[in-house]
């Protein structure tokens, strides 16, 4: 699916997008959209266990923020939360 279609599907189904692709954050920024929340992984170590550990950390600390529409950028040592729309 094209990125635009994935984004539209996530909005329709009220999903949170998990990605390593910066295109989704760019699409949201350009559109001025307020949904969906996006978690973007910018990790050097992208193996399954590391990504899941980082995801668990973000979910445990940002559950309410994710419901309110944010972009969370996850790096190896931290994460940053930006409210939508941008």
PDB file of N, CA and C in Angstrom:
ATOM      1  N   UNK A   1       0.843  -1.189   0.000  1.00  0.00           N
ATOM      2  CA  UNK A   1       0.000   0.000   0.000  1.00  0.00           C
ATOM      3  C   UNK A   1       0.884   1.248   0.000  1.00  0.00           C
ATOM      4  N   UNK A   2       0.393   2.276  -0.610  1.00  0.00           N
ATOM      5  CA  UNK A   2       1.085   3.560  -0.583  1.00  0.00           C
ATOM      6  C   UNK A   2       0.985   4.154   0.823  1.00  0.00           C
ATOM      7  N   UNK A   3       1.974   4.962   1.185  1.00  0.00           N
ATOM      8  CA  UNK A   3       1.997   5.564   2.516  1.00  0.00           C
ATOM      9  C   UNK A   3       0.709   6.328   2.811  1.00  0.00           C
ATOM     10  N   UNK A   4       0.189   7.049   1.842  1.00  0.00           N
ATOM     11  CA  UNK A   4      -1.049   7.813   2.035  1.00  0.00           C
ATOM     12  C   UNK A   4      -2.214   6.898   2.384  1.00  0.00           C
ATOM     13  N   UNK A   5      -2.261   5.727   1.756  1.00  0.00           N
ATOM     14  CA  UNK A   5      -3.338   4.771   2.024  1.00  0.00           C
ATOM     15  C   UNK A   5      -3.190   4.136   3.401  1.00  0.00           C
ATOM     16  N   UNK A   6      -1.968   3.862   3.788  1.00  0.00           N
ATOM     17  CA  UNK A   6      -1.727   3.315   5.130  1.00  0.00           C
ATOM     18  C   UNK A   6      -2.147   4.323   6.181  1.00  0.00           C
ATOM     19  N   UNK A   7      -1.777   5.580   5.968  1.00  0.00           N
ATOM     20  CA  UNK A   7      -2.138   6.641   6.892  1.00  0.00           C
ATOM     21  C   UNK A   7      -3.658   6.783   6.980  1.00  0.00           C
ATOM     22  N   UNK A   8      -4.331   6.771   5.845  1.00  0.00           N
ATOM     23  CA  UNK A   8      -5.795   6.878   5.823  1.00  0.00           C
ATOM     24  C   UNK A   8      -6.440   5.702   6.554  1.00  0.00           C
ATOM     25  N   UNK A   9      -5.910   4.505   6.358  1.00  0.00           N
ATOM     26  CA  UNK A   9      -6.443   3.313   7.026  1.00  0.00           C
ATOM     27  C   UNK A   9      -6.246   3.408   8.542  1.00  0.00           C
ATOM     28  N   UNK A  10      -5.092   3.889   8.960  1.00  0.00           N
ATOM     29  CA  UNK A  10      -4.831   4.055  10.397  1.00  0.00           C
ATOM     30  C   UNK A  10      -5.798   5.058  11.015  1.00  0.00           C
ATOM     31  N   UNK A  11      -6.108   6.118  10.285  1.00  0.00           N
ATOM     32  CA  UNK A  11      -7.067   7.113  10.778  1.00  0.00           C
ATOM     33  C   UNK A  11      -8.452   6.490  10.887  1.00  0.00           C
ATOM     34  N   UNK A  12      -8.888   5.819   9.838  1.00  0.00           N
ATOM     35  CA  UNK A  12     -10.212   5.200   9.806  1.00  0.00           C
ATOM     36  C   UNK A  12     -10.381   4.166  10.909  1.00  0.00           C
ATOM     37  N   UNK A  13      -9.347   3.367  11.138  1.00  0.00           N
ATOM     38  CA  UNK A  13      -9.427   2.285  12.117  1.00  0.00           C
ATOM     39  C   UNK A  13      -8.953   2.707  13.510  1.00  0.00           C
ATOM     40  N   UNK A  14      -8.621   3.998  13.678  1.00  0.00           N
ATOM     41  CA  UNK A  14      -8.155   4.537  14.960  1.00  0.00           C
ATOM     42  C   UNK A  14      -6.977   3.742  15.504  1.00  0.00           C
ATOM     43  N   UNK A  15      -5.978   3.560  14.657  1.00  0.00           N
ATOM     44  CA  UNK A  15      -4.770   2.806  14.996  1.00  0.00           C
ATOM     45  C   UNK A  15      -3.629   3.746  15.317  1.00  0.00           C
ATOM     46  N   UNK A  16      -2.602   3.218  15.950  1.00  0.00           N
ATOM     47  CA  UNK A  16      -1.336   3.906  16.152  1.00  0.00           C
ATOM     48  C   UNK A  16      -0.354   3.293  15.169  1.00  0.00           C
ATOM     49  N   UNK A  17       0.310   4.140  14.396  1.00  0.00           N
ATOM     50  CA  UNK A  17       1.276   3.652  13.420  1.00  0.00           C
ATOM     51  C   UNK A  17       2.629   3.434  14.073  1.00  0.00           C
ATOM     52  N   UNK A  18       3.209   2.276  13.843  1.00  0.00           N
ATOM     53  CA  UNK A  18       4.573   1.969  14.265  1.00  0.00           C
ATOM     54  C   UNK A  18       5.405   1.873  12.998  1.00  0.00           C
ATOM     55  N   UNK A  19       6.496   2.618  12.927  1.00  0.00           N
ATOM     56  CA  UNK A  19       7.249   2.650  11.679  1.00  0.00           C
ATOM     57  C   UNK A  19       8.715   2.999  11.901  1.00  0.00           C
ATOM     58  N   UNK A  20       9.502   2.721  10.888  1.00  0.00           N
ATOM     59  CA  UNK A  20      10.887   3.174  10.809  1.00  0.00           C
ATOM     60  C   UNK A  20      11.044   4.105   9.612  1.00  0.00           C
ATOM     61  N   UNK A  21       9.923   4.478   9.005  1.00  0.00           N
ATOM     62  CA  UNK A  21       9.870   5.273   7.789  1.00  0.00           C
ATOM     63  C   UNK A  21       9.481   6.713   8.127  1.00  0.00           C
ATOM     64  N   UNK A  22      10.360   7.661   7.849  1.00  0.00           N
ATOM     65  CA  UNK A  22      10.106   9.070   8.146  1.00  0.00           C
ATOM     66  C   UNK A  22       8.983   9.664   7.305  1.00  0.00           C
ATOM     67  N   UNK A  23       8.602   9.001   6.238  1.00  0.00           N
ATOM     68  CA  UNK A  23       7.571   9.549   5.358  1.00  0.00           C
ATOM     69  C   UNK A  23       6.261   9.804   6.085  1.00  0.00           C
ATOM     70  N   UNK A  24       5.912   8.985   7.045  1.00  0.00           N
ATOM     71  CA  UNK A  24       4.637   9.158   7.740  1.00  0.00           C
ATOM     72  C   UNK A  24       4.619  10.440   8.559  1.00  0.00           C
ATOM     73  N   UNK A  25       5.709  10.744   9.222  1.00  0.00           N
ATOM     74  CA  UNK A  25       5.749  11.990   9.995  1.00  0.00           C
ATOM     75  C   UNK A  25       5.719  13.185   9.053  1.00  0.00           C
ATOM     76  N   UNK A  26       6.380  13.082   7.909  1.00  0.00           N
ATOM     77  CA  UNK A  26       6.338  14.168   6.928  1.00  0.00           C
ATOM     78  C   UNK A  26       4.921  14.355   6.394  1.00  0.00           C
ATOM     79  N   UNK A  27       4.230  13.265   6.090  1.00  0.00           N
ATOM     80  CA  UNK A  27       2.855  13.360   5.596  1.00  0.00           C
ATOM     81  C   UNK A  27       1.952  14.042   6.612  1.00  0.00           C
ATOM     82  N   UNK A  28       2.100  13.685   7.876  1.00  0.00           N
ATOM     83  CA  UNK A  28       1.288  14.311   8.921  1.00  0.00           C
ATOM     84  C   UNK A  28       1.617  15.795   9.061  1.00  0.00           C
ATOM     85  N   UNK A  29       2.887  16.131   9.034  1.00  0.00           N
ATOM     86  CA  UNK A  29       3.293  17.529   9.164  1.00  0.00           C
ATOM     87  C   UNK A  29       2.738  18.364   8.013  1.00  0.00           C
ATOM     88  N   UNK A  30       2.851  17.867   6.791  1.00  0.00           N
ATOM     89  CA  UNK A  30       2.377  18.605   5.623  1.00  0.00           C
ATOM     90  C   UNK A  30       0.865  18.723   5.589  1.00  0.00           C
ATOM     91  N   UNK A  31       0.175  17.696   6.070  1.00  0.00           N
ATOM     92  CA  UNK A  31      -1.287  17.707   6.004  1.00  0.00           C
ATOM     93  C   UNK A  31      -1.912  18.517   7.130  1.00  0.00           C
ATOM     94  N   UNK A  32      -1.150  18.731   8.201  1.00  0.00           N
ATOM     95  CA  UNK A  32      -1.722  19.397   9.367  1.00  0.00           C
ATOM     96  C   UNK A  32      -2.653  18.490  10.140  1.00  0.00           C
ATOM     97  N   UNK A  33      -2.598  17.197   9.839  1.00  0.00           N
ATOM     98  CA  UNK A  33      -3.488  16.234  10.473  1.00  0.00           C
ATOM     99  C   UNK A  33      -3.216  16.056  11.959  1.00  0.00           C
ATOM    100  N   UNK A  34      -4.257  15.700  12.680  1.00  0.00           N
ATOM    101  CA  UNK A  34      -4.144  15.485  14.122  1.00  0.00           C
ATOM    102  C   UNK A  34      -4.195  14.009  14.490  1.00  0.00           C
ATOM    103  N   UNK A  35      -4.384  13.154  13.526  1.00  0.00           N
ATOM    104  CA  UNK A  35      -4.412  11.718  13.764  1.00  0.00           C
ATOM    105  C   UNK A  35      -3.752  11.037  12.586  1.00  0.00           C
ATOM    106  N   UNK A  36      -3.266   9.876  12.719  1.00  0.00           N
ATOM    107  CA  UNK A  36      -3.142   9.044  13.914  1.00  0.00           C
ATOM    108  C   UNK A  36      -1.863   9.366  14.663  1.00  0.00           C
ATOM    109  N   UNK A  37      -1.740   8.842  15.864  1.00  0.00           N
ATOM    110  CA  UNK A  37      -0.456   8.911  16.549  1.00  0.00           C
ATOM    111  C   UNK A  37       0.524   8.002  15.819  1.00  0.00           C
ATOM    112  N   UNK A  38       1.788   8.414  15.837  1.00  0.00           N
ATOM    113  CA  UNK A  38       2.839   7.663  15.148  1.00  0.00           C
ATOM    114  C   UNK A  38       4.006   7.475  16.104  1.00  0.00           C
ATOM    115  N   UNK A  39       4.516   6.253  16.166  1.00  0.00           N
ATOM    116  CA  UNK A  39       5.764   5.974  16.871  1.00  0.00           C
ATOM    117  C   UNK A  39       6.778   5.612  15.804  1.00  0.00           C
ATOM    118  N   UNK A  40       7.812   6.439  15.694  1.00  0.00           N
ATOM    119  CA  UNK A  40       8.842   6.202  14.688  1.00  0.00           C
ATOM    120  C   UNK A  40      10.127   5.773  15.380  1.00  0.00           C
ATOM    121  N   UNK A  41      10.647   4.645  14.962  1.00  0.00           N
ATOM    122  CA  UNK A  41      11.860   4.086  15.550  1.00  0.00           C
ATOM    123  C   UNK A  41      13.057   4.509  14.716  1.00  0.00           C
ATOM    124  N   UNK A  42      13.997   5.192  15.365  1.00  0.00           N
ATOM    125  CA  UNK A  42      15.227   5.619  14.718  1.00  0.00           C
ATOM    126  C   UNK A  42      16.385   4.978  15.474  1.00  0.00           C
ATOM    127  N   UNK A  43      16.446   3.666  15.386  1.00  0.00           N
ATOM    128  CA  UNK A  43      17.366   2.870  16.184  1.00  0.00           C
ATOM    129  C   UNK A  43      18.517   2.340  15.346  1.00  0.00           C
ATOM    130  N   UNK A  44      19.693   2.316  15.939  1.00  0.00           N
ATOM    131  CA  UNK A  44      20.835   1.675  15.275  1.00  0.00           C
ATOM    132  C   UNK A  44      20.647   0.163  15.271  1.00  0.00           C
ATOM    133  N   UNK A  45      20.191  -0.360  16.409  1.00  0.00           N
ATOM    134  CA  UNK A  45      19.932  -1.787  16.545  1.00  0.00           C
ATOM    135  C   UNK A  45      18.443  -2.024  16.331  1.00  0.00           C
ATOM    136  N   UNK A  46      18.071  -2.501  15.161  1.00  0.00           N
ATOM    137  CA  UNK A  46      16.663  -2.671  14.813  1.00  0.00           C
ATOM    138  C   UNK A  46      16.184  -4.110  14.947  1.00  0.00           C
ATOM    139  N   UNK A  47      16.874  -4.906  15.756  1.00  0.00           N
ATOM    140  CA  UNK A  47      16.403  -6.283  15.909  1.00  0.00           C
ATOM    141  C   UNK A  47      15.122  -6.305  16.736  1.00  0.00           C
ATOM    142  N   UNK A  48      14.407  -7.381  16.583  1.00  0.00           N
ATOM    143  CA  UNK A  48      13.086  -7.559  17.190  1.00  0.00           C
ATOM    144  C   UNK A  48      13.082  -7.259  18.690  1.00  0.00           C
ATOM    145  N   UNK A  49      14.024  -7.820  19.423  1.00  0.00           N
ATOM    146  CA  UNK A  49      14.041  -7.646  20.875  1.00  0.00           C
ATOM    147  C   UNK A  49      14.263  -6.197  21.276  1.00  0.00           C
ATOM    148  N   UNK A  50      15.149  -5.500  20.586  1.00  0.00           N
ATOM    149  CA  UNK A  50      15.413  -4.100  20.914  1.00  0.00           C
ATOM    150  C   UNK A  50      14.213  -3.214  20.586  1.00  0.00           C
ATOM    151  N   UNK A  51      13.614  -3.417  19.432  1.00  0.00           N
ATOM    152  CA  UNK A  51      12.439  -2.629  19.056  1.00  0.00           C
ATOM    153  C   UNK A  51      11.317  -2.859  20.057  1.00  0.00           C
ATOM    154  N   UNK A  52      11.056  -4.106  20.426  1.00  0.00           N
ATOM    155  CA  UNK A  52      10.001  -4.401  21.403  1.00  0.00           C
ATOM    156  C   UNK A  52      10.286  -3.793  22.763  1.00  0.00           C
ATOM    157  N   UNK A  53      11.540  -3.823  23.207  1.00  0.00           N
ATOM    158  CA  UNK A  53      11.896  -3.218  24.490  1.00  0.00           C
ATOM    159  C   UNK A  53      11.647  -1.715  24.462  1.00  0.00           C
ATOM    160  N   UNK A  54      12.031  -1.078  23.358  1.00  0.00           N
ATOM    161  CA  UNK A  54      11.804   0.364  23.228  1.00  0.00           C
ATOM    162  C   UNK A  54      10.297   0.659  23.172  1.00  0.00           C
ATOM    163  N   UNK A  55       9.551  -0.154  22.459  1.00  0.00           N
ATOM    164  CA  UNK A  55       8.106   0.031  22.364  1.00  0.00           C
ATOM    165  C   UNK A  55       7.443  -0.112  23.730  1.00  0.00           C
ATOM    166  N   UNK A  56       7.816  -1.128  24.479  1.00  0.00           N
ATOM    167  CA  UNK A  56       7.255  -1.309  25.819  1.00  0.00           C
ATOM    168  C   UNK A  56       7.532  -0.093  26.697  1.00  0.00           C
ATOM    169  N   UNK A  57       8.723   0.462  26.614  1.00  0.00           N
ATOM    170  CA  UNK A  57       9.083   1.647  27.382  1.00  0.00           C
ATOM    171  C   UNK A  57       8.195   2.830  27.008  1.00  0.00           C
ATOM    172  N   UNK A  58       8.040   3.064  25.720  1.00  0.00           N
ATOM    173  CA  UNK A  58       7.208   4.175  25.258  1.00  0.00           C
ATOM    174  C   UNK A  58       5.756   3.976  25.677  1.00  0.00           C
ATOM    175  N   UNK A  59       5.222   2.789  25.477  1.00  0.00           N
ATOM    176  CA  UNK A  59       3.825   2.529  25.838  1.00  0.00           C
ATOM    177  C   UNK A  59       3.579   2.699  27.326  1.00  0.00           C
ATOM    178  N   UNK A  60       4.532   2.288  28.140  1.00  0.00           N
ATOM    179  CA  UNK A  60       4.346   2.406  29.592  1.00  0.00           C
ATOM    180  C   UNK A  60       4.372   3.861  30.059  1.00  0.00           C
ATOM    181  N   UNK A  61       5.049   4.726  29.318  1.00  0.00           N
ATOM    182  CA  UNK A  61       5.184   6.117  29.751  1.00  0.00           C
ATOM    183  C   UNK A  61       4.280   7.090  29.000  1.00  0.00           C
ATOM    184  N   UNK A  62       3.731   6.695  27.857  1.00  0.00           N
ATOM    185  CA  UNK A  62       3.035   7.650  26.985  1.00  0.00           C
ATOM    186  C   UNK A  62       1.638   7.218  26.576  1.00  0.00           C
ATOM    187  N   UNK A  63       1.036   6.331  27.324  1.00  0.00           N
ATOM    188  CA  UNK A  63      -0.259   5.787  26.924  1.00  0.00           C
ATOM    189  C   UNK A  63      -1.301   6.878  26.692  1.00  0.00           C
ATOM    190  N   UNK A  64      -1.449   7.808  27.621  1.00  0.00           N
ATOM    191  CA  UNK A  64      -2.449   8.872  27.471  1.00  0.00           C
ATOM    192  C   UNK A  64      -2.112   9.812  26.325  1.00  0.00           C
ATOM    193  N   UNK A  65      -0.843  10.118  26.153  1.00  0.00           N
ATOM    194  CA  UNK A  65      -0.428  10.999  25.063  1.00  0.00           C
ATOM    195  C   UNK A  65      -0.744  10.377  23.708  1.00  0.00           C
ATOM    196  N   UNK A  66      -0.539   9.078  23.571  1.00  0.00           N
ATOM    197  CA  UNK A  66      -0.824   8.401  22.306  1.00  0.00           C
ATOM    198  C   UNK A  66      -2.302   8.492  21.945  1.00  0.00           C
ATOM    199  N   UNK A  67      -3.168   8.507  22.924  1.00  0.00           N
ATOM    200  CA  UNK A  67      -4.599   8.627  22.669  1.00  0.00           C
ATOM    201  C   UNK A  67      -4.969  10.034  22.208  1.00  0.00           C
ATOM    202  N   UNK A  68      -4.127  11.008  22.549  1.00  0.00           N
ATOM    203  CA  UNK A  68      -4.402  12.405  22.214  1.00  0.00           C
ATOM    204  C   UNK A  68      -3.748  12.845  20.912  1.00  0.00           C
ATOM    205  N   UNK A  69      -3.060  11.988  20.207  1.00  0.00           N
ATOM    206  CA  UNK A  69      -2.432  12.270  18.912  1.00  0.00           C
ATOM    207  C   UNK A  69      -1.074  12.948  19.047  1.00  0.00           C
ATOM    208  N   UNK A  70      -0.044  12.138  18.891  1.00  0.00           N
ATOM    209  CA  UNK A  70       1.344  12.605  18.983  1.00  0.00           C
ATOM    210  C   UNK A  70       2.208  11.865  17.978  1.00  0.00           C
ATOM    211  N   UNK A  71       3.386  12.420  17.756  1.00  0.00           N
ATOM    212  CA  UNK A  71       4.457  11.702  17.075  1.00  0.00           C
ATOM    213  C   UNK A  71       5.526  11.460  18.122  1.00  0.00           C
ATOM    214  N   UNK A  72       5.917  10.214  18.287  1.00  0.00           N
ATOM    215  CA  UNK A  72       6.980   9.878  19.223  1.00  0.00           C
ATOM    216  C   UNK A  72       8.148   9.338  18.420  1.00  0.00           C
ATOM    217  N   UNK A  73       9.268  10.009  18.542  1.00  0.00           N
ATOM    218  CA  UNK A  73      10.494   9.602  17.867  1.00  0.00           C
ATOM    219  C   UNK A  73      11.375   8.884  18.879  1.00  0.00           C
ATOM    220  N   UNK A  74      11.674   7.620  18.605  1.00  0.00           N
ATOM    221  CA  UNK A  74      12.410   6.776  19.541  1.00  0.00           C
ATOM    222  C   UNK A  74      13.819   6.549  19.009  1.00  0.00           C
ATOM    223  N   UNK A  75      14.810   6.979  19.792  1.00  0.00           N
ATOM    224  CA  UNK A  75      16.205   6.711  19.447  1.00  0.00           C
ATOM    225  C   UNK A  75      16.751   5.687  20.435  1.00  0.00           C
ATOM    226  N   UNK A  76      18.018   5.365  20.302  1.00  0.00           N
ATOM    227  CA  UNK A  76      18.606   4.331  21.156  1.00  0.00           C
ATOM    228  C   UNK A  76      18.602   4.688  22.638  1.00  0.00           C
ATOM    229  N   UNK A  77      18.710   5.965  22.954  1.00  0.00           N
ATOM    230  CA  UNK A  77      18.857   6.331  24.366  1.00  0.00           C
ATOM    231  C   UNK A  77      17.747   7.217  24.910  1.00  0.00           C
ATOM    232  N   UNK A  78      16.756   7.586  24.076  1.00  0.00           N
ATOM    233  CA  UNK A  78      15.690   8.470  24.550  1.00  0.00           C
ATOM    234  C   UNK A  78      14.533   8.447  23.562  1.00  0.00           C
ATOM    235  N   UNK A  79      13.446   9.124  23.933  1.00  0.00           N
ATOM    236  CA  UNK A  79      12.376   9.356  22.986  1.00  0.00           C
ATOM    237  C   UNK A  79      11.855  10.773  23.174  1.00  0.00           C
ATOM    238  N   UNK A  80      11.288  11.307  22.080  1.00  0.00           N
ATOM    239  CA  UNK A  80      10.778  12.680  22.089  1.00  0.00           C
ATOM    240  C   UNK A  80       9.321  12.640  21.636  1.00  0.00           C
ATOM    241  N   UNK A  81       8.486  13.401  22.323  1.00  0.00           N
ATOM    242  CA  UNK A  81       7.050  13.457  22.031  1.00  0.00           C
ATOM    243  C   UNK A  81       6.719  14.829  21.454  1.00  0.00           C
ATOM    244  N   UNK A  82       6.026  14.812  20.312  1.00  0.00           N
ATOM    245  CA  UNK A  82       5.535  16.053  19.699  1.00  0.00           C
ATOM    246  C   UNK A  82       4.034  15.924  19.498  1.00  0.00           C
ATOM    247  N   UNK A  83       3.315  16.920  19.963  1.00  0.00           N
ATOM    248  CA  UNK A  83       1.853  16.924  19.808  1.00  0.00           C
ATOM    249  C   UNK A  83       1.466  17.213  18.370  1.00  0.00           C
ATOM    250  N   UNK A  84       0.382  16.589  17.943  1.00  0.00           N
ATOM    251  CA  UNK A  84      -0.202  16.859  16.630  1.00  0.00           C
ATOM    252  C   UNK A  84      -1.368  17.813  16.787  1.00  0.00           C
ATOM    253  N   UNK A  85      -1.704  18.631  15.824  1.00  0.00           N
ATOM    254  CA  UNK A  85      -0.998  18.762  14.558  1.00  0.00           C
ATOM    255  C   UNK A  85       0.281  19.565  14.725  1.00  0.00           C
ATOM    256  N   UNK A  86       1.166  19.379  13.750  1.00  0.00           N
ATOM    257  CA  UNK A  86       2.452  20.095  13.769  1.00  0.00           C
ATOM    258  C   UNK A  86       2.289  21.361  12.959  1.00  0.00           C
TER     259      UNK A  86
END
